[in-house]
PDB file of N, CA and C in Angstrom:
ATOM      1  N   MET A   1     123.738 139.467 117.329  1.00  0.00           N
ATOM      2  CA  MET A   1     125.356 139.530 117.458  1.00  0.00           C
ATOM      3  C   MET A   1     125.741 138.380 116.308  1.00  0.00           C
ATOM      4  N   GLN A   2     126.804 138.446 115.320  1.00  0.00           N
ATOM      5  CA  GLN A   2     127.434 137.588 114.634  1.00  0.00           C
ATOM      6  C   GLN A   2     128.698 137.205 115.053  1.00  0.00           C
ATOM      7  N   GLU A   3     128.717 135.824 114.744  1.00  0.00           N
ATOM      8  CA  GLU A   3     130.077 135.132 115.312  1.00  0.00           C
ATOM      9  C   GLU A   3     130.888 134.900 114.063  1.00  0.00           C
ATOM     10  N   ILE A   4     131.935 135.105 114.236  1.00  0.00           N
ATOM     11  CA  ILE A   4     133.014 134.735 112.670  1.00  0.00           C
ATOM     12  C   ILE A   4     133.580 133.466 113.248  1.00  0.00           C
ATOM     13  N   VAL A   5     133.613 132.490 112.514  1.00  0.00           N
ATOM     14  CA  VAL A   5     134.230 131.189 112.792  1.00  0.00           C
ATOM     15  C   VAL A   5     135.158 131.015 111.762  1.00  0.00           C
ATOM     16  N   GLU A   6     136.572 130.498 112.150  1.00  0.00           N
ATOM     17  CA  GLU A   6     137.388 130.487 111.253  1.00  0.00           C
ATOM     18  C   GLU A   6     137.421 128.796 110.942  1.00  0.00           C
ATOM     19  N   SER A   7     137.967 128.445 109.754  1.00  0.00           N
ATOM     20  CA  SER A   7     137.738 127.001 109.159  1.00  0.00           C
ATOM     21  C   SER A   7     138.873 126.583 108.458  1.00  0.00           C
ATOM     22  N   ASP A   8     139.425 125.242 108.516  1.00  0.00           N
ATOM     23  CA  ASP A   8     140.627 124.850 107.662  1.00  0.00           C
ATOM     24  C   ASP A   8     139.840 124.402 106.520  1.00  0.00           C
ATOM     25  N   LEU A   9     138.746 124.047 106.571  1.00  0.00           N
ATOM     26  CA  LEU A   9     137.951 123.600 105.543  1.00  0.00           C
ATOM     27  C   LEU A   9     138.118 124.138 104.070  1.00  0.00           C
ATOM     28  N   VAL A  10     138.394 123.431 103.012  1.00  0.00           N
ATOM     29  CA  VAL A  10     138.496 124.297 101.819  1.00  0.00           C
ATOM     30  C   VAL A  10     137.726 123.060 100.798  1.00  0.00           C
ATOM     31  N   PHE A  11     137.004 123.686  99.941  1.00  0.00           N
ATOM     32  CA  PHE A  11     136.533 123.314  98.840  1.00  0.00           C
ATOM     33  C   PHE A  11     137.410 123.654  97.508  1.00  0.00           C
ATOM     34  N   ASN A  12     137.498 122.567  96.769  1.00  0.00           N
ATOM     35  CA  ASN A  12     138.184 122.587  95.362  1.00  0.00           C
ATOM     36  C   ASN A  12     137.140 122.225  94.419  1.00  0.00           C
ATOM     37  N   ILE A  13     136.943 123.084  93.210  1.00  0.00           N
ATOM     38  CA  ILE A  13     135.681 122.810  92.576  1.00  0.00           C
ATOM     39  C   ILE A  13     136.682 122.942  91.244  1.00  0.00           C
ATOM     40  N   SER A  14     136.864 122.027  90.034  1.00  0.00           N
ATOM     41  CA  SER A  14     137.360 122.392  88.911  1.00  0.00           C
ATOM     42  C   SER A  14     136.372 122.612  88.073  1.00  0.00           C
ATOM     43  N   VAL A  15     136.378 123.530  87.330  1.00  0.00           N
ATOM     44  CA  VAL A  15     135.293 123.939  86.105  1.00  0.00           C
ATOM     45  C   VAL A  15     136.088 123.979  84.781  1.00  0.00           C
ATOM     46  N   TYR A  16     135.673 123.033  83.747  1.00  0.00           N
ATOM     47  CA  TYR A  16     136.432 123.281  82.421  1.00  0.00           C
ATOM     48  C   TYR A  16     135.326 123.867  81.612  1.00  0.00           C
ATOM     49  N   THR A  17     135.747 124.836  80.700  1.00  0.00           N
ATOM     50  CA  THR A  17     135.181 125.577  79.584  1.00  0.00           C
ATOM     51  C   THR A  17     135.738 125.648  78.206  1.00  0.00           C
ATOM     52  N   SER A  18     134.919 125.578  77.487  1.00  0.00           N
ATOM     53  CA  SER A  18     135.323 126.086  76.044  1.00  0.00           C
ATOM     54  C   SER A  18     134.736 127.248  75.533  1.00  0.00           C
ATOM     55  N   ASP A  19     135.252 128.222  75.300  1.00  0.00           N
ATOM     56  CA  ASP A  19     134.551 129.611  74.998  1.00  0.00           C
ATOM     57  C   ASP A  19     133.965 129.723  76.212  1.00  0.00           C
ATOM     58  N   ASP A  20     132.482 129.992  76.217  1.00  0.00           N
ATOM     59  CA  ASP A  20     131.596 130.421  77.236  1.00  0.00           C
ATOM     60  C   ASP A  20     130.839 129.167  77.910  1.00  0.00           C
ATOM     61  N   ASN A  21     131.120 128.021  76.973  1.00  0.00           N
ATOM     62  CA  ASN A  21     130.212 126.511  77.135  1.00  0.00           C
ATOM     63  C   ASN A  21     131.194 125.854  78.348  1.00  0.00           C
ATOM     64  N   LEU A  22     130.237 125.492  79.196  1.00  0.00           N
ATOM     65  CA  LEU A  22     130.459 124.632  80.427  1.00  0.00           C
ATOM     66  C   LEU A  22     130.831 123.303  79.980  1.00  0.00           C
ATOM     67  N   ILE A  23     131.874 122.842  80.290  1.00  0.00           N
ATOM     68  CA  ILE A  23     132.176 121.299  79.484  1.00  0.00           C
ATOM     69  C   ILE A  23     131.754 120.197  80.799  1.00  0.00           C
ATOM     70  N   PHE A  24     132.609 120.636  81.750  1.00  0.00           N
ATOM     71  CA  PHE A  24     132.229 119.690  83.220  1.00  0.00           C
ATOM     72  C   PHE A  24     132.901 120.197  84.132  1.00  0.00           C
ATOM     73  N   TYR A  25     132.512 119.557  85.374  1.00  0.00           N
ATOM     74  CA  TYR A  25     133.192 120.201  86.634  1.00  0.00           C
ATOM     75  C   TYR A  25     133.207 119.022  87.362  1.00  0.00           C
ATOM     76  N   SER A  26     134.371 119.122  88.381  1.00  0.00           N
ATOM     77  CA  SER A  26     134.511 117.994  89.310  1.00  0.00           C
ATOM     78  C   SER A  26     134.500 118.416  90.710  1.00  0.00           C
ATOM     79  N   LEU A  27     134.008 117.899  91.364  1.00  0.00           N
ATOM     80  CA  LEU A  27     134.270 117.964  93.079  1.00  0.00           C
ATOM     81  C   LEU A  27     135.654 117.068  93.602  1.00  0.00           C
ATOM     82  N   PRO A  28     135.820 117.569  94.754  1.00  0.00           N
ATOM     83  CA  PRO A  28     137.145 117.061  95.493  1.00  0.00           C
ATOM     84  C   PRO A  28     136.840 115.398  95.346  1.00  0.00           C
ATOM     85  N   GLU A  29     135.665 115.054  95.700  1.00  0.00           N
ATOM     86  CA  GLU A  29     135.471 113.523  96.119  1.00  0.00           C
ATOM     87  C   GLU A  29     135.618 112.583  94.745  1.00  0.00           C
ATOM     88  N   GLN A  30     135.205 113.552  93.453  1.00  0.00           N
ATOM     89  CA  GLN A  30     135.181 112.900  92.378  1.00  0.00           C
ATOM     90  C   GLN A  30     136.663 112.731  91.643  1.00  0.00           C
ATOM     91  N   HIS A  31     137.773 113.680  91.905  1.00  0.00           N
ATOM     92  CA  HIS A  31     138.878 113.680  91.417  1.00  0.00           C
ATOM     93  C   HIS A  31     140.023 114.485  92.067  1.00  0.00           C
ATOM     94  N   SER A  32     141.091 113.731  92.768  1.00  0.00           N
ATOM     95  CA  SER A  32     141.680 114.572  93.353  1.00  0.00           C
ATOM     96  C   SER A  32     142.668 115.747  92.869  1.00  0.00           C
ATOM     97  N   GLN A  33     142.994 115.096  91.496  1.00  0.00           N
ATOM     98  CA  GLN A  33     143.895 116.067  90.695  1.00  0.00           C
ATOM     99  C   GLN A  33     143.254 115.666  89.256  1.00  0.00           C
ATOM    100  N   PRO A  34     142.637 116.459  88.428  1.00  0.00           N
ATOM    101  CA  PRO A  34     141.990 115.883  87.019  1.00  0.00           C
ATOM    102  C   PRO A  34     143.013 115.446  86.189  1.00  0.00           C
ATOM    103  N   ASP A  35     142.614 114.475  85.511  1.00  0.00           N
ATOM    104  CA  ASP A  35     143.773 113.775  84.611  1.00  0.00           C
ATOM    105  C   ASP A  35     143.676 114.578  83.471  1.00  0.00           C
ATOM    106  N   VAL A  36     144.789 115.141  82.808  1.00  0.00           N
ATOM    107  CA  VAL A  36     144.831 115.945  81.706  1.00  0.00           C
ATOM    108  C   VAL A  36     144.122 115.274  80.612  1.00  0.00           C
ATOM    109  N   GLU A  37     144.528 113.645  80.655  1.00  0.00           N
ATOM    110  CA  GLU A  37     144.027 112.804  79.366  1.00  0.00           C
ATOM    111  C   GLU A  37     142.352 112.866  79.025  1.00  0.00           C
ATOM    112  N   VAL A  38     141.960 112.622  80.336  1.00  0.00           N
ATOM    113  CA  VAL A  38     140.261 112.571  80.633  1.00  0.00           C
ATOM    114  C   VAL A  38     139.919 114.087  80.172  1.00  0.00           C
ATOM    115  N   ILE A  39     140.437 115.127  80.663  1.00  0.00           N
ATOM    116  CA  ILE A  39     140.281 116.410  80.067  1.00  0.00           C
ATOM    117  C   ILE A  39     140.099 116.663  78.772  1.00  0.00           C
ATOM    118  N   LEU A  40     141.093 116.086  78.211  1.00  0.00           N
ATOM    119  CA  LEU A  40     141.398 116.455  76.333  1.00  0.00           C
ATOM    120  C   LEU A  40     140.353 115.740  75.875  1.00  0.00           C
ATOM    121  N   GLU A  41     140.126 114.300  76.160  1.00  0.00           N
ATOM    122  CA  GLU A  41     139.052 113.422  75.620  1.00  0.00           C
ATOM    123  C   GLU A  41     137.329 114.007  75.694  1.00  0.00           C
ATOM    124  N   LYS A  42     137.487 114.375  77.017  1.00  0.00           N
ATOM    125  CA  LYS A  42     135.976 115.196  76.875  1.00  0.00           C
ATOM    126  C   LYS A  42     135.855 116.476  76.190  1.00  0.00           C
ATOM    127  N   MET A  43     136.910 117.412  76.043  1.00  0.00           N
ATOM    128  CA  MET A  43     137.007 118.394  75.065  1.00  0.00           C
ATOM    129  C   MET A  43     136.722 117.980  73.631  1.00  0.00           C
ATOM    130  N   ALA A  44     137.443 116.647  73.109  1.00  0.00           N
ATOM    131  CA  ALA A  44     137.246 116.477  71.929  1.00  0.00           C
ATOM    132  C   ALA A  44     135.841 115.838  71.772  1.00  0.00           C
ATOM    133  N   ASP A  45     135.166 115.024  72.799  1.00  0.00           N
ATOM    134  CA  ASP A  45     134.050 114.929  72.522  1.00  0.00           C
ATOM    135  C   ASP A  45     133.058 115.802  72.348  1.00  0.00           C
ATOM    136  N   VAL A  46     132.986 117.122  73.011  1.00  0.00           N
ATOM    137  CA  VAL A  46     132.229 118.073  73.049  1.00  0.00           C
ATOM    138  C   VAL A  46     132.586 118.800  71.565  1.00  0.00           C
ATOM    139  N   LYS A  47     133.680 118.861  71.072  1.00  0.00           N
ATOM    140  CA  LYS A  47     133.666 119.402  69.776  1.00  0.00           C
ATOM    141  C   LYS A  47     133.290 118.754  68.744  1.00  0.00           C
ATOM    142  N   ARG A  48     133.308 117.286  68.577  1.00  0.00           N
ATOM    143  CA  ARG A  48     132.497 116.355  68.036  1.00  0.00           C
ATOM    144  C   ARG A  48     131.150 116.289  68.114  1.00  0.00           C
ATOM    145  N   GLN A  49     130.421 116.531  69.015  1.00  0.00           N
ATOM    146  CA  GLN A  49     129.051 116.834  69.227  1.00  0.00           C
ATOM    147  C   GLN A  49     128.539 118.213  68.848  1.00  0.00           C
ATOM    148  N   GLN A  50     129.641 119.268  68.993  1.00  0.00           N
ATOM    149  CA  GLN A  50     128.886 120.743  68.347  1.00  0.00           C
ATOM    150  C   GLN A  50     129.166 120.424  66.923  1.00  0.00           C
ATOM    151  N   LYS A  51     130.197 119.715  66.289  1.00  0.00           N
ATOM    152  CA  LYS A  51     130.323 119.628  64.761  1.00  0.00           C
ATOM    153  C   LYS A  51     129.029 118.904  63.991  1.00  0.00           C
ATOM    154  N   THR A  52     128.441 117.746  65.009  1.00  0.00           N
ATOM    155  CA  THR A  52     127.813 117.111  64.481  1.00  0.00           C
ATOM    156  C   THR A  52     126.352 117.811  64.462  1.00  0.00           C
ATOM    157  N   GLN A  53     125.893 118.572  65.779  1.00  0.00           N
ATOM    158  CA  GLN A  53     124.972 119.414  65.665  1.00  0.00           C
ATOM    159  C   GLN A  53     124.759 120.415  64.678  1.00  0.00           C
ATOM    160  N   LYS A  54     126.140 121.140  64.164  1.00  0.00           N
ATOM    161  CA  LYS A  54     126.253 121.907  63.246  1.00  0.00           C
ATOM    162  C   LYS A  54     125.815 121.586  62.041  1.00  0.00           C
ATOM    163  N   ILE A  55     126.075 120.524  61.371  1.00  0.00           N
ATOM    164  CA  ILE A  55     125.832 119.491  60.572  1.00  0.00           C
ATOM    165  C   ILE A  55     124.610 119.358  60.314  1.00  0.00           C
ATOM    166  N   ILE A  56     123.936 118.909  61.399  1.00  0.00           N
ATOM    167  CA  ILE A  56     122.483 118.653  61.304  1.00  0.00           C
ATOM    168  C   ILE A  56     121.758 119.834  60.954  1.00  0.00           C
ATOM    169  N   ARG A  57     121.926 120.948  61.894  1.00  0.00           N
ATOM    170  CA  ARG A  57     121.263 122.315  61.884  1.00  0.00           C
ATOM    171  C   ARG A  57     121.546 122.703  60.207  1.00  0.00           C
ATOM    172  N   ASN A  58     122.564 122.614  59.622  1.00  0.00           N
ATOM    173  CA  ASN A  58     122.758 123.124  58.263  1.00  0.00           C
ATOM    174  C   ASN A  58     122.045 122.329  57.204  1.00  0.00           C
ATOM    175  N   GLY A  59     122.026 120.917  57.358  1.00  0.00           N
ATOM    176  CA  GLY A  59     121.085 120.067  56.727  1.00  0.00           C
ATOM    177  C   GLY A  59     119.614 120.192  56.752  1.00  0.00           C
ATOM    178  N   ARG A  60     119.038 120.390  58.093  1.00  0.00           N
ATOM    179  CA  ARG A  60     117.613 121.226  58.044  1.00  0.00           C
ATOM    180  C   ARG A  60     117.393 122.410  57.601  1.00  0.00           C
ATOM    181  N   ASN A  61     118.262 123.177  57.523  1.00  0.00           N
ATOM    182  CA  ASN A  61     118.142 124.655  56.821  1.00  0.00           C
ATOM    183  C   ASN A  61     118.321 124.320  55.259  1.00  0.00           C
ATOM    184  N   LYS A  62     119.067 123.594  54.877  1.00  0.00           N
ATOM    185  CA  LYS A  62     118.875 123.381  53.374  1.00  0.00           C
ATOM    186  C   LYS A  62     117.495 122.477  52.865  1.00  0.00           C
ATOM    187  N   ILE A  63     116.898 121.585  53.592  1.00  0.00           N
ATOM    188  CA  ILE A  63     115.741 120.869  53.589  1.00  0.00           C
ATOM    189  C   ILE A  63     114.562 122.147  53.273  1.00  0.00           C
ATOM    190  N   ARG A  64     114.434 122.733  54.347  1.00  0.00           N
ATOM    191  CA  ARG A  64     113.475 123.901  54.368  1.00  0.00           C
ATOM    192  C   ARG A  64     113.538 124.839  53.400  1.00  0.00           C
ATOM    193  N   THR A  65     115.042 125.309  52.760  1.00  0.00           N
ATOM    194  CA  THR A  65     114.988 126.139  51.724  1.00  0.00           C
ATOM    195  C   THR A  65     114.929 125.338  50.519  1.00  0.00           C
ATOM    196  N   MET A  66     114.861 124.235  50.166  1.00  0.00           N
ATOM    197  CA  MET A  66     114.416 123.297  49.195  1.00  0.00           C
ATOM    198  C   MET A  66     112.836 123.044  49.249  1.00  0.00           C
ATOM    199  N   LYS A  67     112.314 122.942  50.341  1.00  0.00           N
ATOM    200  CA  LYS A  67     110.791 122.627  50.380  1.00  0.00           C
ATOM    201  C   LYS A  67     110.279 124.177  49.884  1.00  0.00           C
ATOM    202  N   GLN A  68     110.753 125.264  50.262  1.00  0.00           N
ATOM    203  CA  GLN A  68     110.050 126.753  50.536  1.00  0.00           C
ATOM    204  C   GLN A  68     110.367 126.732  48.533  1.00  0.00           C
ATOM    205  N   ILE A  69     111.406 126.605  48.138  1.00  0.00           N
ATOM    206  CA  ILE A  69     111.483 126.418  46.325  1.00  0.00           C
ATOM    207  C   ILE A  69     110.585 125.779  46.072  1.00  0.00           C
ATOM    208  N   LEU A  70     110.284 124.468  46.205  1.00  0.00           N
ATOM    209  CA  LEU A  70     109.056 123.960  45.808  1.00  0.00           C
ATOM    210  C   LEU A  70     108.086 124.388  45.851  1.00  0.00           C
ATOM    211  N   ILE A  71     107.570 124.923  47.290  1.00  0.00           N
ATOM    212  CA  ILE A  71     106.379 125.761  47.257  1.00  0.00           C
ATOM    213  C   ILE A  71     106.146 126.727  46.120  1.00  0.00           C
ATOM    214  N   ASP A  72     107.167 127.526  46.390  1.00  0.00           N
ATOM    215  CA  ASP A  72     107.260 128.691  45.509  1.00  0.00           C
ATOM    216  C   ASP A  72     106.896 128.370  43.665  1.00  0.00           C
ATOM    217  N   VAL A  73     107.387 127.321  43.444  1.00  0.00           N
ATOM    218  CA  VAL A  73     107.559 126.956  42.277  1.00  0.00           C
ATOM    219  C   VAL A  73     105.943 126.505  41.680  1.00  0.00           C
ATOM    220  N   ALA A  74     105.782 125.509  42.626  1.00  0.00           N
ATOM    221  CA  ALA A  74     104.162 124.940  42.468  1.00  0.00           C
ATOM    222  C   ALA A  74     103.215 126.122  42.504  1.00  0.00           C
ATOM    223  N   ILE A  75     103.158 127.475  43.493  1.00  0.00           N
ATOM    224  CA  ILE A  75     102.504 128.582  43.416  1.00  0.00           C
ATOM    225  C   ILE A  75     102.516 129.243  41.993  1.00  0.00           C
ATOM    226  N   LYS A  76     103.487 129.489  41.466  1.00  0.00           N
ATOM    227  CA  LYS A  76     103.975 129.975  39.995  1.00  0.00           C
ATOM    228  C   LYS A  76     103.191 129.348  39.239  1.00  0.00           C
ATOM    229  N   GLU A  77     103.150 128.057  39.054  1.00  0.00           N
ATOM    230  CA  GLU A  77     102.455 127.228  38.036  1.00  0.00           C
ATOM    231  C   GLU A  77     101.070 127.055  37.793  1.00  0.00           C
TER     232      GLU A  77
END
């Protein structure tokens, strides 16, 4: 037999995303009300990190391409 229990206990979890990426979440004991400035700062930090990662990936791809060109030229000689 199952018993149904009613409770006034409420959990508020705030989840912030950018597109499909989780930025951060806060539990009630961490933030009673999320500070908009903090959220915007974190979103800006994430955007900077994503931009830096993209630049690094592009740089690595260019290096790979240049290495392959050097290898191809060396094989032809």
